[in-house]
PDB file of N, CA and C in Angstrom:
ATOM      1  N   MET A   1       7.935  12.916  -7.032  1.00  0.00           N
ATOM      2  CA  MET A   1       8.024  13.945  -6.022  1.00  0.00           C
ATOM      3  C   MET A   1       7.399  13.407  -4.732  1.00  0.00           C
ATOM      4  N   ILE A   2       8.071  13.655  -3.637  1.00  0.00           N
ATOM      5  CA  ILE A   2       7.541  13.246  -2.341  1.00  0.00           C
ATOM      6  C   ILE A   2       6.969  14.477  -1.637  1.00  0.00           C
ATOM      7  N   LYS A   3       6.257  14.235  -0.549  1.00  0.00           N
ATOM      8  CA  LYS A   3       5.549  15.322   0.134  1.00  0.00           C
ATOM      9  C   LYS A   3       6.496  16.442   0.568  1.00  0.00           C
ATOM     10  N   SER A   4       7.667  16.100   1.077  1.00  0.00           N
ATOM     11  CA  SER A   4       8.597  17.147   1.534  1.00  0.00           C
ATOM     12  C   SER A   4       9.069  18.017   0.365  1.00  0.00           C
ATOM     13  N   GLU A   5       9.239  17.420  -0.824  1.00  0.00           N
ATOM     14  CA  GLU A   5       9.623  18.207  -2.003  1.00  0.00           C
ATOM     15  C   GLU A   5       8.479  19.131  -2.421  1.00  0.00           C
ATOM     16  N   LEU A   6       7.252  18.648  -2.324  1.00  0.00           N
ATOM     17  CA  LEU A   6       6.086  19.469  -2.633  1.00  0.00           C
ATOM     18  C   LEU A   6       6.016  20.671  -1.692  1.00  0.00           C
ATOM     19  N   VAL A   7       6.238  20.422  -0.416  1.00  0.00           N
ATOM     20  CA  VAL A   7       6.232  21.501   0.579  1.00  0.00           C
ATOM     21  C   VAL A   7       7.305  22.531   0.239  1.00  0.00           C
ATOM     22  N   GLN A   8       8.484  22.074  -0.110  1.00  0.00           N
ATOM     23  CA  GLN A   8       9.582  22.990  -0.431  1.00  0.00           C
ATOM     24  C   GLN A   8       9.267  23.824  -1.669  1.00  0.00           C
ATOM     25  N   ARG A   9       8.704  23.198  -2.696  1.00  0.00           N
ATOM     26  CA  ARG A   9       8.368  23.936  -3.917  1.00  0.00           C
ATOM     27  C   ARG A   9       7.313  25.002  -3.654  1.00  0.00           C
ATOM     28  N   ILE A  10       6.269  24.632  -2.927  1.00  0.00           N
ATOM     29  CA  ILE A  10       5.204  25.601  -2.650  1.00  0.00           C
ATOM     30  C   ILE A  10       5.724  26.728  -1.768  1.00  0.00           C
ATOM     31  N   ALA A  11       6.566  26.404  -0.789  1.00  0.00           N
ATOM     32  CA  ALA A  11       7.148  27.437   0.077  1.00  0.00           C
ATOM     33  C   ALA A  11       8.047  28.374  -0.737  1.00  0.00           C
ATOM     34  N   ALA A  12       8.776  27.820  -1.703  1.00  0.00           N
ATOM     35  CA  ALA A  12       9.649  28.650  -2.539  1.00  0.00           C
ATOM     36  C   ALA A  12       8.836  29.576  -3.446  1.00  0.00           C
ATOM     37  N   GLN A  13       7.683  29.094  -3.921  1.00  0.00           N
ATOM     38  CA  GLN A  13       6.826  29.903  -4.787  1.00  0.00           C
ATOM     39  C   GLN A  13       6.043  30.961  -4.002  1.00  0.00           C
ATOM     40  N   ASN A  14       5.940  30.765  -2.698  1.00  0.00           N
ATOM     41  CA  ASN A  14       5.201  31.691  -1.830  1.00  0.00           C
ATOM     42  C   ASN A  14       6.079  32.108  -0.664  1.00  0.00           C
ATOM     43  N   PRO A  15       7.039  32.998  -0.907  1.00  0.00           N
ATOM     44  CA  PRO A  15       7.994  33.373   0.143  1.00  0.00           C
ATOM     45  C   PRO A  15       7.351  34.059   1.348  1.00  0.00           C
ATOM     46  N   HIS A  16       6.120  34.529   1.217  1.00  0.00           N
ATOM     47  CA  HIS A  16       5.437  35.166   2.339  1.00  0.00           C
ATOM     48  C   HIS A  16       4.886  34.145   3.330  1.00  0.00           C
ATOM     49  N   LEU A  17       4.947  32.848   2.994  1.00  0.00           N
ATOM     50  CA  LEU A  17       4.472  31.788   3.887  1.00  0.00           C
ATOM     51  C   LEU A  17       5.655  31.043   4.486  1.00  0.00           C
ATOM     52  N   TYR A  18       5.517  30.678   5.744  1.00  0.00           N
ATOM     53  CA  TYR A  18       6.547  29.863   6.382  1.00  0.00           C
ATOM     54  C   TYR A  18       6.403  28.425   5.899  1.00  0.00           C
ATOM     55  N   GLN A  19       7.528  27.727   5.829  1.00  0.00           N
ATOM     56  CA  GLN A  19       7.511  26.339   5.365  1.00  0.00           C
ATOM     57  C   GLN A  19       6.644  25.472   6.271  1.00  0.00           C
ATOM     58  N   ARG A  20       6.676  25.718   7.571  1.00  0.00           N
ATOM     59  CA  ARG A  20       5.857  24.910   8.490  1.00  0.00           C
ATOM     60  C   ARG A  20       4.364  25.134   8.252  1.00  0.00           C
ATOM     61  N   ASP A  21       3.989  26.361   7.848  1.00  0.00           N
ATOM     62  CA  ASP A  21       2.585  26.644   7.540  1.00  0.00           C
ATOM     63  C   ASP A  21       2.157  25.915   6.264  1.00  0.00           C
ATOM     64  N   VAL A  22       3.031  25.910   5.266  1.00  0.00           N
ATOM     65  CA  VAL A  22       2.744  25.190   4.018  1.00  0.00           C
ATOM     66  C   VAL A  22       2.589  23.704   4.307  1.00  0.00           C
ATOM     67  N   GLU A  23       3.454  23.166   5.152  1.00  0.00           N
ATOM     68  CA  GLU A  23       3.373  21.751   5.514  1.00  0.00           C
ATOM     69  C   GLU A  23       2.061  21.443   6.241  1.00  0.00           C
ATOM     70  N   ASN A  24       1.644  22.327   7.142  1.00  0.00           N
ATOM     71  CA  ASN A  24       0.379  22.141   7.850  1.00  0.00           C
ATOM     72  C   ASN A  24      -0.808  22.177   6.895  1.00  0.00           C
ATOM     73  N   ILE A  25      -0.755  23.072   5.907  1.00  0.00           N
ATOM     74  CA  ILE A  25      -1.834  23.172   4.921  1.00  0.00           C
ATOM     75  C   ILE A  25      -1.919  21.901   4.083  1.00  0.00           C
ATOM     76  N   ILE A  26      -0.783  21.416   3.617  1.00  0.00           N
ATOM     77  CA  ILE A  26      -0.768  20.199   2.805  1.00  0.00           C
ATOM     78  C   ILE A  26      -1.247  19.003   3.624  1.00  0.00           C
ATOM     79  N   ASN A  27      -0.791  18.901   4.869  1.00  0.00           N
ATOM     80  CA  ASN A  27      -1.241  17.810   5.739  1.00  0.00           C
ATOM     81  C   ASN A  27      -2.748  17.880   5.980  1.00  0.00           C
ATOM     82  N   ALA A  28      -3.276  19.095   6.132  1.00  0.00           N
ATOM     83  CA  ALA A  28      -4.709  19.264   6.349  1.00  0.00           C
ATOM     84  C   ALA A  28      -5.501  18.839   5.117  1.00  0.00           C
ATOM     85  N   ILE A  29      -5.042  19.227   3.938  1.00  0.00           N
ATOM     86  CA  ILE A  29      -5.727  18.847   2.694  1.00  0.00           C
ATOM     87  C   ILE A  29      -5.726  17.336   2.514  1.00  0.00           C
ATOM     88  N   LEU A  30      -4.561  16.728   2.661  1.00  0.00           N
ATOM     89  CA  LEU A  30      -4.470  15.272   2.493  1.00  0.00           C
ATOM     90  C   LEU A  30      -5.263  14.539   3.566  1.00  0.00           C
ATOM     91  N   GLY A  31      -5.261  15.076   4.769  1.00  0.00           N
ATOM     92  CA  GLY A  31      -6.034  14.478   5.854  1.00  0.00           C
ATOM     93  C   GLY A  31      -7.526  14.524   5.582  1.00  0.00           C
ATOM     94  N   GLU A  32      -8.013  15.633   5.058  1.00  0.00           N
ATOM     95  CA  GLU A  32      -9.440  15.764   4.745  1.00  0.00           C
ATOM     96  C   GLU A  32      -9.838  14.831   3.599  1.00  0.00           C
ATOM     97  N   ILE A  33      -8.968  14.689   2.600  1.00  0.00           N
ATOM     98  CA  ILE A  33      -9.253  13.757   1.503  1.00  0.00           C
ATOM     99  C   ILE A  33      -9.348  12.339   2.054  1.00  0.00           C
ATOM    100  N   THR A  34      -8.403  11.962   2.907  1.00  0.00           N
ATOM    101  CA  THR A  34      -8.392  10.622   3.502  1.00  0.00           C
ATOM    102  C   THR A  34      -9.626  10.391   4.362  1.00  0.00           C
ATOM    103  N   THR A  35      -9.984  11.376   5.176  1.00  0.00           N
ATOM    104  CA  THR A  35     -11.155  11.250   6.045  1.00  0.00           C
ATOM    105  C   THR A  35     -12.432  11.094   5.221  1.00  0.00           C
ATOM    106  N   ALA A  36     -12.555  11.888   4.163  1.00  0.00           N
ATOM    107  CA  ALA A  36     -13.742  11.806   3.309  1.00  0.00           C
ATOM    108  C   ALA A  36     -13.835  10.443   2.640  1.00  0.00           C
ATOM    109  N   MET A  37     -12.718   9.944   2.142  1.00  0.00           N
ATOM    110  CA  MET A  37     -12.722   8.634   1.483  1.00  0.00           C
ATOM    111  C   MET A  37     -13.023   7.521   2.481  1.00  0.00           C
ATOM    112  N   ALA A  38     -12.508   7.641   3.693  1.00  0.00           N
ATOM    113  CA  ALA A  38     -12.776   6.630   4.722  1.00  0.00           C
ATOM    114  C   ALA A  38     -14.257   6.614   5.075  1.00  0.00           C
ATOM    115  N   GLY A  39     -14.920   7.759   4.937  1.00  0.00           N
ATOM    116  CA  GLY A  39     -16.352   7.848   5.187  1.00  0.00           C
ATOM    117  C   GLY A  39     -17.195   7.439   3.992  1.00  0.00           C
ATOM    118  N   GLY A  40     -16.556   7.019   2.915  1.00  0.00           N
ATOM    119  CA  GLY A  40     -17.275   6.562   1.727  1.00  0.00           C
ATOM    120  C   GLY A  40     -17.589   7.656   0.729  1.00  0.00           C
ATOM    121  N   ASP A  41     -17.082   8.866   0.960  1.00  0.00           N
ATOM    122  CA  ASP A  41     -17.348   9.977   0.052  1.00  0.00           C
ATOM    123  C   ASP A  41     -16.362   9.995  -1.111  1.00  0.00           C
ATOM    124  N   ARG A  42     -16.754  10.685  -2.170  1.00  0.00           N
ATOM    125  CA  ARG A  42     -15.910  10.895  -3.343  1.00  0.00           C
ATOM    126  C   ARG A  42     -15.372  12.317  -3.237  1.00  0.00           C
ATOM    127  N   VAL A  43     -14.097  12.524  -3.557  1.00  0.00           N
ATOM    128  CA  VAL A  43     -13.487  13.853  -3.498  1.00  0.00           C
ATOM    129  C   VAL A  43     -13.088  14.253  -4.908  1.00  0.00           C
ATOM    130  N   GLU A  44     -13.655  15.358  -5.389  1.00  0.00           N
ATOM    131  CA  GLU A  44     -13.374  15.819  -6.749  1.00  0.00           C
ATOM    132  C   GLU A  44     -12.681  17.169  -6.704  1.00  0.00           C
ATOM    133  N   LEU A  45     -11.535  17.256  -7.381  1.00  0.00           N
ATOM    134  CA  LEU A  45     -10.800  18.513  -7.515  1.00  0.00           C
ATOM    135  C   LEU A  45     -10.833  18.872  -8.996  1.00  0.00           C
ATOM    136  N   ARG A  46     -11.664  19.827  -9.363  1.00  0.00           N
ATOM    137  CA  ARG A  46     -11.867  20.174 -10.768  1.00  0.00           C
ATOM    138  C   ARG A  46     -10.544  20.470 -11.455  1.00  0.00           C
ATOM    139  N   GLY A  47     -10.367  19.904 -12.641  1.00  0.00           N
ATOM    140  CA  GLY A  47      -9.152  20.098 -13.415  1.00  0.00           C
ATOM    141  C   GLY A  47      -8.023  19.163 -13.004  1.00  0.00           C
ATOM    142  N   PHE A  48      -8.126  18.555 -11.853  1.00  0.00           N
ATOM    143  CA  PHE A  48      -7.091  17.647 -11.362  1.00  0.00           C
ATOM    144  C   PHE A  48      -7.564  16.205 -11.451  1.00  0.00           C
ATOM    145  N   GLY A  49      -8.645  15.883 -10.751  1.00  0.00           N
ATOM    146  CA  GLY A  49      -9.166  14.526 -10.787  1.00  0.00           C
ATOM    147  C   GLY A  49     -10.083  14.240  -9.631  1.00  0.00           C
ATOM    148  N   ALA A  50     -10.485  12.980  -9.527  1.00  0.00           N
ATOM    149  CA  ALA A  50     -11.423  12.571  -8.483  1.00  0.00           C
ATOM    150  C   ALA A  50     -10.880  11.354  -7.753  1.00  0.00           C
ATOM    151  N   PHE A  51     -10.973  11.403  -6.439  1.00  0.00           N
ATOM    152  CA  PHE A  51     -10.584  10.293  -5.585  1.00  0.00           C
ATOM    153  C   PHE A  51     -11.851   9.577  -5.136  1.00  0.00           C
ATOM    154  N   SER A  52     -11.857   8.258  -5.203  1.00  0.00           N
ATOM    155  CA  SER A  52     -13.000   7.493  -4.728  1.00  0.00           C
ATOM    156  C   SER A  52     -12.501   6.173  -4.160  1.00  0.00           C
ATOM    157  N   VAL A  53     -13.434   5.409  -3.604  1.00  0.00           N
ATOM    158  CA  VAL A  53     -13.102   4.114  -3.018  1.00  0.00           C
ATOM    159  C   VAL A  53     -13.817   3.035  -3.818  1.00  0.00           C
ATOM    160  N   LYS A  54     -13.082   2.022  -4.215  1.00  0.00           N
ATOM    161  CA  LYS A  54     -13.680   0.866  -4.894  1.00  0.00           C
ATOM    162  C   LYS A  54     -13.665  -0.299  -3.909  1.00  0.00           C
ATOM    163  N   HIS A  55     -14.749  -1.037  -3.886  1.00  0.00           N
ATOM    164  CA  HIS A  55     -14.869  -2.176  -2.980  1.00  0.00           C
ATOM    165  C   HIS A  55     -14.686  -3.463  -3.767  1.00  0.00           C
ATOM    166  N   ARG A  56     -13.742  -4.274  -3.321  1.00  0.00           N
ATOM    167  CA  ARG A  56     -13.497  -5.569  -3.967  1.00  0.00           C
ATOM    168  C   ARG A  56     -14.065  -6.671  -3.079  1.00  0.00           C
ATOM    169  N   PRO A  57     -14.871  -7.550  -3.659  1.00  0.00           N
ATOM    170  CA  PRO A  57     -15.481  -8.620  -2.857  1.00  0.00           C
ATOM    171  C   PRO A  57     -14.456  -9.689  -2.477  1.00  0.00           C
ATOM    172  N   ALA A  58     -14.822 -10.508  -1.498  1.00  0.00           N
ATOM    173  CA  ALA A  58     -13.965 -11.636  -1.105  1.00  0.00           C
ATOM    174  C   ALA A  58     -13.927 -12.621  -2.274  1.00  0.00           C
ATOM    175  N   ARG A  59     -12.813 -13.317  -2.408  1.00  0.00           N
ATOM    176  CA  ARG A  59     -12.665 -14.261  -3.509  1.00  0.00           C
ATOM    177  C   ARG A  59     -11.689 -15.358  -3.119  1.00  0.00           C
ATOM    178  N   THR A  60     -11.601 -16.355  -3.951  1.00  0.00           N
ATOM    179  CA  THR A  60     -10.626 -17.423  -3.745  1.00  0.00           C
ATOM    180  C   THR A  60      -9.478 -17.180  -4.709  1.00  0.00           C
ATOM    181  N   GLY A  61      -8.284 -17.020  -4.160  1.00  0.00           N
ATOM    182  CA  GLY A  61      -7.091 -16.804  -4.968  1.00  0.00           C
ATOM    183  C   GLY A  61      -6.263 -18.070  -5.039  1.00  0.00           C
ATOM    184  N   ARG A  62      -5.097 -17.943  -5.672  1.00  0.00           N
ATOM    185  CA  ARG A  62      -4.225 -19.096  -5.808  1.00  0.00           C
ATOM    186  C   ARG A  62      -2.800 -18.671  -5.506  1.00  0.00           C
ATOM    187  N   ASN A  63      -2.120 -19.464  -4.687  1.00  0.00           N
ATOM    188  CA  ASN A  63      -0.718 -19.215  -4.387  1.00  0.00           C
ATOM    189  C   ASN A  63       0.073 -19.609  -5.633  1.00  0.00           C
ATOM    190  N   PRO A  64       0.782 -18.675  -6.272  1.00  0.00           N
ATOM    191  CA  PRO A  64       1.485 -19.006  -7.512  1.00  0.00           C
ATOM    192  C   PRO A  64       2.630 -20.006  -7.333  1.00  0.00           C
ATOM    193  N   ARG A  65       3.194 -20.054  -6.157  1.00  0.00           N
ATOM    194  CA  ARG A  65       4.307 -20.965  -5.926  1.00  0.00           C
ATOM    195  C   ARG A  65       3.841 -22.412  -5.748  1.00  0.00           C
ATOM    196  N   THR A  66       2.806 -22.597  -4.927  1.00  0.00           N
ATOM    197  CA  THR A  66       2.364 -23.959  -4.613  1.00  0.00           C
ATOM    198  C   THR A  66       1.119 -24.377  -5.378  1.00  0.00           C
ATOM    199  N   GLY A  67       0.377 -23.404  -5.904  1.00  0.00           N
ATOM    200  CA  GLY A  67      -0.867 -23.720  -6.592  1.00  0.00           C
ATOM    201  C   GLY A  67      -2.040 -23.923  -5.647  1.00  0.00           C
ATOM    202  N   ALA A  68      -1.811 -23.797  -4.345  1.00  0.00           N
ATOM    203  CA  ALA A  68      -2.870 -24.004  -3.363  1.00  0.00           C
ATOM    204  C   ALA A  68      -3.870 -22.846  -3.411  1.00  0.00           C
ATOM    205  N   HIS A  69      -5.129 -23.143  -3.171  1.00  0.00           N
ATOM    206  CA  HIS A  69      -6.169 -22.125  -3.122  1.00  0.00           C
ATOM    207  C   HIS A  69      -6.127 -21.427  -1.763  1.00  0.00           C
ATOM    208  N   VAL A  70      -6.275 -20.094  -1.790  1.00  0.00           N
ATOM    209  CA  VAL A  70      -6.273 -19.318  -0.552  1.00  0.00           C
ATOM    210  C   VAL A  70      -7.458 -18.360  -0.577  1.00  0.00           C
ATOM    211  N   ALA A  71      -8.005 -18.089   0.594  1.00  0.00           N
ATOM    212  CA  ALA A  71      -9.120 -17.157   0.704  1.00  0.00           C
ATOM    213  C   ALA A  71      -8.570 -15.736   0.772  1.00  0.00           C
ATOM    214  N   VAL A  72      -9.106 -14.857  -0.069  1.00  0.00           N
ATOM    215  CA  VAL A  72      -8.715 -13.458  -0.066  1.00  0.00           C
ATOM    216  C   VAL A  72      -9.918 -12.665   0.458  1.00  0.00           C
ATOM    217  N   ALA A  73      -9.719 -11.929   1.541  1.00  0.00           N
ATOM    218  CA  ALA A  73     -10.802 -11.186   2.176  1.00  0.00           C
ATOM    219  C   ALA A  73     -11.245 -10.012   1.306  1.00  0.00           C
ATOM    220  N   LYS A  74     -12.478  -9.541   1.532  1.00  0.00           N
ATOM    221  CA  LYS A  74     -12.944  -8.351   0.828  1.00  0.00           C
ATOM    222  C   LYS A  74     -12.129  -7.161   1.299  1.00  0.00           C
ATOM    223  N   LYS A  75     -11.982  -6.164   0.426  1.00  0.00           N
ATOM    224  CA  LYS A  75     -11.203  -4.993   0.803  1.00  0.00           C
ATOM    225  C   LYS A  75     -11.659  -3.777   0.014  1.00  0.00           C
ATOM    226  N   SER A  76     -11.318  -2.631   0.541  1.00  0.00           N
ATOM    227  CA  SER A  76     -11.594  -1.362  -0.112  1.00  0.00           C
ATOM    228  C   SER A  76     -10.264  -0.786  -0.570  1.00  0.00           C
ATOM    229  N   VAL A  77     -10.223  -0.305  -1.817  1.00  0.00           N
ATOM    230  CA  VAL A  77      -8.988   0.245  -2.356  1.00  0.00           C
ATOM    231  C   VAL A  77      -9.241   1.657  -2.883  1.00  0.00           C
ATOM    232  N   PRO A  78      -8.266   2.561  -2.706  1.00  0.00           N
ATOM    233  CA  PRO A  78      -8.433   3.910  -3.233  1.00  0.00           C
ATOM    234  C   PRO A  78      -8.315   3.890  -4.757  1.00  0.00           C
ATOM    235  N   PHE A  79      -9.046   4.795  -5.412  1.00  0.00           N
ATOM    236  CA  PHE A  79      -9.041   4.882  -6.859  1.00  0.00           C
ATOM    237  C   PHE A  79      -8.963   6.351  -7.237  1.00  0.00           C
ATOM    238  N   PHE A  80      -8.142   6.667  -8.242  1.00  0.00           N
ATOM    239  CA  PHE A  80      -8.010   8.043  -8.705  1.00  0.00           C
ATOM    240  C   PHE A  80      -8.253   8.085 -10.205  1.00  0.00           C
ATOM    241  N   LYS A  81      -9.115   8.991 -10.618  1.00  0.00           N
ATOM    242  CA  LYS A  81      -9.373   9.191 -12.040  1.00  0.00           C
ATOM    243  C   LYS A  81      -8.984  10.620 -12.374  1.00  0.00           C
ATOM    244  N   THR A  82      -8.102  10.782 -13.367  1.00  0.00           N
ATOM    245  CA  THR A  82      -7.636  12.112 -13.729  1.00  0.00           C
ATOM    246  C   THR A  82      -8.751  12.942 -14.335  1.00  0.00           C
ATOM    247  N   GLY A  83      -8.650  14.229 -14.152  1.00  0.00           N
ATOM    248  CA  GLY A  83      -9.598  15.174 -14.738  1.00  0.00           C
ATOM    249  C   GLY A  83      -9.227  15.459 -16.177  1.00  0.00           C
ATOM    250  N   LYS A  84     -10.162  16.016 -16.911  1.00  0.00           N
ATOM    251  CA  LYS A  84      -9.966  16.298 -18.335  1.00  0.00           C
ATOM    252  C   LYS A  84      -8.780  17.238 -18.559  1.00  0.00           C
ATOM    253  N   GLU A  85      -8.688  18.293 -17.758  1.00  0.00           N
ATOM    254  CA  GLU A  85      -7.607  19.268 -17.926  1.00  0.00           C
ATOM    255  C   GLU A  85      -6.238  18.616 -17.724  1.00  0.00           C
ATOM    256  N   MET A  86      -6.110  17.769 -16.705  1.00  0.00           N
ATOM    257  CA  MET A  86      -4.831  17.101 -16.461  1.00  0.00           C
ATOM    258  C   MET A  86      -4.494  16.145 -17.606  1.00  0.00           C
ATOM    259  N   ARG A  87      -5.479  15.382 -18.053  1.00  0.00           N
ATOM    260  CA  ARG A  87      -5.261  14.442 -19.158  1.00  0.00           C
ATOM    261  C   ARG A  87      -4.787  15.179 -20.405  1.00  0.00           C
ATOM    262  N   GLU A  88      -5.432  16.298 -20.712  1.00  0.00           N
ATOM    263  CA  GLU A  88      -5.038  17.078 -21.890  1.00  0.00           C
ATOM    264  C   GLU A  88      -3.624  17.632 -21.732  1.00  0.00           C
ATOM    265  N   ARG A  89      -3.302  18.058 -20.533  1.00  0.00           N
ATOM    266  CA  ARG A  89      -1.969  18.607 -20.285  1.00  0.00           C
ATOM    267  C   ARG A  89      -0.881  17.547 -20.414  1.00  0.00           C
ATOM    268  N   LEU A  90      -1.186  16.346 -19.960  1.00  0.00           N
ATOM    269  CA  LEU A  90      -0.209  15.256 -20.039  1.00  0.00           C
ATOM    270  C   LEU A  90      -0.062  14.703 -21.441  1.00  0.00           C
ATOM    271  N   ASN A  91      -1.077  14.862 -22.283  1.00  0.00           N
ATOM    272  CA  ASN A  91      -1.075  14.272 -23.619  1.00  0.00           C
ATOM    273  C   ASN A  91      -0.969  15.305 -24.730  1.00  0.00           C
ATOM    274  N   ARG A  92      -0.369  16.429 -24.447  1.00  0.00           N
ATOM    275  CA  ARG A  92      -0.184  17.443 -25.475  1.00  0.00           C
ATOM    276  C   ARG A  92       0.719  16.908 -26.574  1.00  0.00           C
ATOM    277  N   GLU A  93       0.485  17.389 -27.795  1.00  0.00           N
ATOM    278  CA  GLU A  93       1.253  16.932 -28.955  1.00  0.00           C
ATOM    279  C   GLU A  93       2.726  17.269 -28.864  1.00  0.00           C
ATOM    280  N   ASP A  94       3.062  18.454 -28.349  1.00  0.00           N
ATOM    281  CA  ASP A  94       4.471  18.861 -28.286  1.00  0.00           C
ATOM    282  C   ASP A  94       5.251  18.093 -27.233  1.00  0.00           C
ATOM    283  N   GLY A  95       4.550  17.400 -26.319  1.00  0.00           N
ATOM    284  CA  GLY A  95       5.210  16.577 -25.327  1.00  0.00           C
ATOM    285  C   GLY A  95       5.869  17.335 -24.194  1.00  0.00           C
ATOM    286  N   ALA A  96       5.742  18.654 -24.193  1.00  0.00           N
ATOM    287  CA  ALA A  96       6.364  19.450 -23.138  1.00  0.00           C
ATOM    288  C   ALA A  96       5.482  19.429 -21.886  1.00  0.00           C
ATOM    289  N   ALA A  97       6.105  19.181 -20.767  1.00  0.00           N
ATOM    290  CA  ALA A  97       5.394  19.201 -19.482  1.00  0.00           C
ATOM    291  C   ALA A  97       5.783  20.459 -18.744  1.00  0.00           C
ATOM    292  N   GLU A  98       4.819  21.047 -18.059  1.00  0.00           N
ATOM    293  CA  GLU A  98       5.109  22.262 -17.294  1.00  0.00           C
ATOM    294  C   GLU A  98       5.468  21.956 -15.877  1.00  0.00           C
TER     295      GLU A  98
END
């Protein structure tokens, strides 16, 4: 599912809201999560999961084609860990997804 499909689904489930308002709300939520992570904070949504930033140190890599050693700079990568409720929902015995 892409963001525009998410907006359409939420707008369809809430006919009292305009689609542009739903889009603004989703953009605001995603923007706040991004801003918090950029500031080094962890974002936890109970029942859904937690977003955090993992820092990878600089290292020496290898070009698979030539075998030459290359320097790989340090970087920060986003990390998501699912919440217990989501994990249980995805791993139900009956296999049915809602």
